[in-house]
Amino acid sequence: RVGPQVERYLPTEDPTAFLLPDSRLEPHERWWQKVFVVLPWLTFACMLAVPLWLVRSNLPFLQKRAVEDKWAAHKRAAALDVGRVPEFSVVSFAQMPDVLERPFPTLLLLFDPKTFASRLFLPLMRDLEVLLRAAGVKVAVTALDLSMTPAPAADFSWEYPSALAPHIQLVLPRARDGEAGIVDYDGRWTASALAEAACGLHGPRCPDVNPEVLAQGDGLLEELREVLFELLFVEDGAEPD
């Protein structure tokens, strides 16, 4: 027979028992033994209950948000009706907030009437808007006159100088946190390429734009380029007789 201090370290009488007998433990050891048994089960129960509670408590808000998003999507779809897309227009920098708040994409030409290239592409963009509207492409075409007052901010003028105009930007509605996103156009400067970019803004199932008319537009653009170049540079540089 052994003493009580040694007996507590001997194997228990029931080897399948989950807990040690209270007779072998000090009072504080009995308490901690029960804590370490219950604590994992409490933690596991909390891990199950907390996500369910969060979902249940936020379910009304999530349902309300889903309904609001659905109605907002219907409003955007209604606003994208071809009849609501404005016709081609020339705007100033002060009118740009209205362009950015449109619920549909916009193909934006930044031009300065004093540059040769601007005189070429301004009528092209006007004709392109007519073709897109006739085909049912829900994309607006707008031109921003950099020479109009008020003048753009200095950092904007540095990034898009008037002397190097025109520039083309793609305006995407509600692209970032409900605000419009602006992407610089880096494709070819032809009627066909610009129409393809507009179809990309339109999204899936974009109506086809007449390729023959686009090819004619590219041909007219090249003819206009030659005529304006001859008018502005060749004749002005010719010496008088």
Foldseek 3Di string as FASTA:
>chain_A
DDDLQVVLPDQDPDNPDPDRDPSSDDPVVVVVRVCVVVVVVVVVVCVVVVVVVVCVVCVVVVVVVVVVVVVVVVVLVVCLFLVNADAEEEDEPVCVVVVFQRSAKEKEKEAEVVELVRVLCVVVLNVLRVQLSVQRQSYYYYYYHCPDPPHDDPVVCVVVPRRPDIWIWMWAQCPDVRTIDIDTDDDDPASVVVVVVSQVRSPPPRGDGPVVVSVVSRVVSVVVSVVSCCVPPVVVPDDDD
